[in-house]
Amino acid sequence: MKQAIYNIGVEATMRIIGGKWKPIILCHLKHGRMRTGELRRAIPNITQKMLTQQLRELEDDGIVARKVYNQIPPKVEYSLTDYGHSLNKILEDLCVWGEHDIEMRKQKGENIILLNKEDVANDALPYAD
């Protein structure tokens, strides 16, 4: 087995949840089980290939569980494992920090829209100018 060496604990955390998509996937899954299509709608800019890759990596690391239902058409759901739920505090802090950053940038005059879950679920996305 290959030995891993970290200089600081956050390196180990980033190995698991680092990158553009994993924290976003995890933030959606902390609210409950989701099917692949639901995740795609919740994260419209991710490709199917990237979503599948990221979910597989999270599953391999024991963060996400994949449940396959024996039916036609096939049904697969993803959820956080107990170990994955241990990231909820970190994820919540990241969300709160991001919301605070958005508000500060808005106050400085930036044109930023933060969609809520209902907007995404209802495809009520604003048009970009």
C-alpha atoms as a PDB file:
ATOM      1  CA  MET A   1       0.000   0.000   0.000  1.00  0.00           C
ATOM      2  CA  LYS A   2       1.289   3.436  -0.958  1.00  0.00           C
ATOM      3  CA  GLN A   3       2.084   5.759   1.942  1.00  0.00           C
ATOM      4  CA  ALA A   4       0.369   9.154   2.045  1.00  0.00           C
ATOM      5  CA  ILE A   5       2.170  12.077   3.622  1.00  0.00           C
ATOM      6  CA  TYR A   6       0.373  15.280   4.560  1.00  0.00           C
ATOM      7  CA  ASN A   7       1.937  18.490   5.845  1.00  0.00           C
ATOM      8  CA  ILE A   8      -1.308  19.699   7.438  1.00  0.00           C
ATOM      9  CA  GLY A   9      -4.671  18.061   8.132  1.00  0.00           C
ATOM     10  CA  VAL A  10      -6.584  20.176   5.628  1.00  0.00           C
ATOM     11  CA  GLU A  11      -4.645  18.420   2.842  1.00  0.00           C
ATOM     12  CA  ALA A  12      -6.365  15.156   3.781  1.00  0.00           C
ATOM     13  CA  THR A  13      -9.753  16.907   3.785  1.00  0.00           C
ATOM     14  CA  MET A  14      -9.106  18.486   0.388  1.00  0.00           C
ATOM     15  CA  ARG A  15      -8.078  15.108  -1.043  1.00  0.00           C
ATOM     16  CA  ILE A  16     -11.620  13.948  -0.326  1.00  0.00           C
ATOM     17  CA  ILE A  17     -13.764  17.041  -0.962  1.00  0.00           C
ATOM     18  CA  GLY A  18     -11.473  19.216  -3.059  1.00  0.00           C
ATOM     19  CA  GLY A  19     -12.238  20.435  -6.530  1.00  0.00           C
ATOM     20  CA  LYS A  20     -15.014  22.372  -8.166  1.00  0.00           C
ATOM     21  CA  TRP A  21     -17.865  19.861  -7.956  1.00  0.00           C
ATOM     22  CA  LYS A  22     -17.531  17.660  -4.882  1.00  0.00           C
ATOM     23  CA  PRO A  23     -18.486  20.287  -2.279  1.00  0.00           C
ATOM     24  CA  ILE A  24     -21.496  21.270  -4.402  1.00  0.00           C
ATOM     25  CA  ILE A  25     -22.612  17.641  -4.756  1.00  0.00           C
ATOM     26  CA  LEU A  26     -22.193  17.107  -1.013  1.00  0.00           C
ATOM     27  CA  CYS A  27     -24.161  20.247  -0.138  1.00  0.00           C
ATOM     28  CA  HIS A  28     -27.090  18.950  -2.185  1.00  0.00           C
ATOM     29  CA  LEU A  29     -26.886  15.447  -0.724  1.00  0.00           C
ATOM     30  CA  LYS A  30     -26.831  16.699   2.862  1.00  0.00           C
ATOM     31  CA  HIS A  31     -30.542  17.444   2.418  1.00  0.00           C
ATOM     32  CA  GLY A  32     -31.343  13.819   1.550  1.00  0.00           C
ATOM     33  CA  ARG A  33     -31.243  11.150  -1.150  1.00  0.00           C
ATOM     34  CA  MET A  34     -31.096  12.269  -4.754  1.00  0.00           C
ATOM     35  CA  ARG A  35     -31.196  10.524  -8.104  1.00  0.00           C
ATOM     36  CA  THR A  36     -28.623  11.312 -10.777  1.00  0.00           C
ATOM     37  CA  GLY A  37     -31.114  13.373 -12.792  1.00  0.00           C
ATOM     38  CA  GLU A  38     -32.036  15.419  -9.736  1.00  0.00           C
ATOM     39  CA  LEU A  39     -28.375  16.180  -9.114  1.00  0.00           C
ATOM     40  CA  ARG A  40     -27.923  17.192 -12.762  1.00  0.00           C
ATOM     41  CA  ARG A  41     -30.849  19.625 -12.503  1.00  0.00           C
ATOM     42  CA  ALA A  42     -29.539  20.989  -9.205  1.00  0.00           C
ATOM     43  CA  ILE A  43     -26.046  21.453 -10.710  1.00  0.00           C
ATOM     44  CA  PRO A  44     -26.797  22.487 -14.304  1.00  0.00           C
ATOM     45  CA  ASN A  45     -23.198  23.237 -15.335  1.00  0.00           C
ATOM     46  CA  ILE A  46     -21.805  19.792 -14.496  1.00  0.00           C
ATOM     47  CA  THR A  47     -21.547  17.219 -17.278  1.00  0.00           C
ATOM     48  CA  GLN A  48     -22.967  13.736 -16.825  1.00  0.00           C
ATOM     49  CA  LYS A  49     -19.467  12.283 -17.144  1.00  0.00           C
ATOM     50  CA  MET A  50     -18.060  14.565 -14.436  1.00  0.00           C
ATOM     51  CA  LEU A  51     -21.022  13.956 -12.117  1.00  0.00           C
ATOM     52  CA  THR A  52     -20.588  10.191 -12.456  1.00  0.00           C
ATOM     53  CA  GLN A  53     -16.828  10.448 -11.879  1.00  0.00           C
ATOM     54  CA  GLN A  54     -17.197  12.637  -8.795  1.00  0.00           C
ATOM     55  CA  LEU A  55     -19.923  10.409  -7.310  1.00  0.00           C
ATOM     56  CA  ARG A  56     -17.748   7.315  -7.852  1.00  0.00           C
ATOM     57  CA  GLU A  57     -14.786   8.968  -6.122  1.00  0.00           C
ATOM     58  CA  LEU A  58     -16.968  10.035  -3.183  1.00  0.00           C
ATOM     59  CA  GLU A  59     -18.381   6.510  -3.008  1.00  0.00           C
ATOM     60  CA  ASP A  60     -14.858   5.004  -3.054  1.00  0.00           C
ATOM     61  CA  ASP A  61     -13.895   7.310  -0.163  1.00  0.00           C
ATOM     62  CA  GLY A  62     -16.911   6.179   1.884  1.00  0.00           C
ATOM     63  CA  ILE A  63     -18.595   9.605   1.792  1.00  0.00           C
ATOM     64  CA  VAL A  64     -21.520   8.759  -0.506  1.00  0.00           C
ATOM     65  CA  ALA A  65     -23.652   5.623  -0.688  1.00  0.00           C
ATOM     66  CA  ARG A  66     -25.145   4.408  -3.959  1.00  0.00           C
ATOM     67  CA  LYS A  67     -28.393   2.432  -3.808  1.00  0.00           C
ATOM     68  CA  VAL A  68     -29.517   0.581  -6.922  1.00  0.00           C
ATOM     69  CA  TYR A  69     -33.158  -0.490  -7.110  1.00  0.00           C
ATOM     70  CA  ASN A  70     -33.855  -3.693  -9.016  1.00  0.00           C
ATOM     71  CA  GLN A  71     -36.513  -2.349 -11.373  1.00  0.00           C
ATOM     72  CA  ILE A  72     -37.043  -1.263 -14.960  1.00  0.00           C
ATOM     73  CA  PRO A  73     -36.188   1.447 -15.780  1.00  0.00           C
ATOM     74  CA  PRO A  74     -33.182   1.297 -13.435  1.00  0.00           C
ATOM     75  CA  LYS A  75     -33.298   3.602 -10.438  1.00  0.00           C
ATOM     76  CA  VAL A  76     -30.178   4.720  -8.561  1.00  0.00           C
ATOM     77  CA  GLU A  77     -30.130   7.015  -5.553  1.00  0.00           C
ATOM     78  CA  TYR A  78     -27.201   8.664  -3.819  1.00  0.00           C
ATOM     79  CA  SER A  79     -27.022   9.709  -0.187  1.00  0.00           C
ATOM     80  CA  LEU A  80     -24.432  10.628   2.385  1.00  0.00           C
ATOM     81  CA  THR A  81     -23.068   7.846   4.554  1.00  0.00           C
ATOM     82  CA  ASP A  82     -22.727   8.399   8.293  1.00  0.00           C
ATOM     83  CA  TYR A  83     -19.102   9.286   7.580  1.00  0.00           C
ATOM     84  CA  GLY A  84     -20.290  11.709   4.877  1.00  0.00           C
ATOM     85  CA  HIS A  85     -22.692  13.359   7.333  1.00  0.00           C
ATOM     86  CA  SER A  86     -19.676  14.151   9.513  1.00  0.00           C
ATOM     87  CA  LEU A  87     -18.845  16.795   6.858  1.00  0.00           C
ATOM     88  CA  ASN A  88     -22.161  18.659   7.362  1.00  0.00           C
ATOM     89  CA  LYS A  89     -20.719  21.277   9.744  1.00  0.00           C
ATOM     90  CA  ILE A  90     -17.858  22.037   7.350  1.00  0.00           C
ATOM     91  CA  LEU A  91     -20.247  22.252   4.384  1.00  0.00           C
ATOM     92  CA  GLU A  92     -22.681  24.482   6.278  1.00  0.00           C
ATOM     93  CA  ASP A  93     -19.838  26.820   7.268  1.00  0.00           C
ATOM     94  CA  LEU A  94     -18.738  27.015   3.613  1.00  0.00           C
ATOM     95  CA  CYS A  95     -22.301  27.861   2.535  1.00  0.00           C
ATOM     96  CA  VAL A  96     -22.711  30.564   5.180  1.00  0.00           C
ATOM     97  CA  TRP A  97     -19.324  32.055   4.331  1.00  0.00           C
ATOM     98  CA  GLY A  98     -20.220  32.116   0.625  1.00  0.00           C
ATOM     99  CA  GLU A  99     -23.573  33.803   1.306  1.00  0.00           C
ATOM    100  CA  HIS A 100     -21.803  36.430   3.422  1.00  0.00           C
ATOM    101  CA  ASP A 101     -19.246  36.988   0.641  1.00  0.00           C
ATOM    102  CA  ILE A 102     -22.058  37.427  -1.905  1.00  0.00           C
ATOM    103  CA  GLU A 103     -23.736  40.054   0.281  1.00  0.00           C
ATOM    104  CA  MET A 104     -20.457  41.960   0.717  1.00  0.00           C
ATOM    105  CA  ARG A 105     -19.835  41.907  -3.043  1.00  0.00           C
ATOM    106  CA  LYS A 106     -23.398  43.083  -3.734  1.00  0.00           C
ATOM    107  CA  GLN A 107     -22.858  45.991  -1.368  1.00  0.00           C
ATOM    108  CA  LYS A 108     -19.800  46.905  -3.432  1.00  0.00           C
ATOM    109  CA  GLY A 109     -21.977  47.065  -6.539  1.00  0.00           C
ATOM    110  CA  GLU A 110     -21.454  43.632  -8.106  1.00  0.00           C
ATOM    111  CA  ASN A 111     -24.451  42.209  -9.939  1.00  0.00           C
ATOM    112  CA  ILE A 112     -24.858  38.774  -8.308  1.00  0.00           C
ATOM    113  CA  ILE A 113     -27.874  36.488  -8.048  1.00  0.00           C
ATOM    114  CA  LEU A 114     -28.009  33.677  -5.503  1.00  0.00           C
ATOM    115  CA  LEU A 115     -30.714  31.218  -6.525  1.00  0.00           C
ATOM    116  CA  ASN A 116     -32.671  29.396  -3.882  1.00  0.00           C
ATOM    117  CA  LYS A 117     -33.647  25.731  -4.090  1.00  0.00           C
ATOM    118  CA  GLU A 118     -37.188  26.560  -5.218  1.00  0.00           C
ATOM    119  CA  ASP A 119     -35.864  28.574  -8.183  1.00  0.00           C
ATOM    120  CA  VAL A 120     -33.718  25.647  -9.303  1.00  0.00           C
ATOM    121  CA  ALA A 121     -36.470  23.063  -8.742  1.00  0.00           C
ATOM    122  CA  ASN A 122     -38.954  25.133 -10.768  1.00  0.00           C
ATOM    123  CA  ASP A 123     -36.443  26.037 -13.494  1.00  0.00           C
ATOM    124  CA  ALA A 124     -37.083  29.689 -12.636  1.00  0.00           C
ATOM    125  CA  LEU A 125     -33.608  30.713 -13.664  1.00  0.00           C
ATOM    126  CA  PRO A 126     -33.038  34.369 -14.526  1.00  0.00           C
ATOM    127  CA  TYR A 127     -31.889  35.302 -17.989  1.00  0.00           C
ATOM    128  CA  ALA A 128     -28.375  36.661 -18.286  1.00  0.00           C
ATOM    129  CA  ASP A 129     -27.996  40.020 -20.012  1.00  0.00           C
END
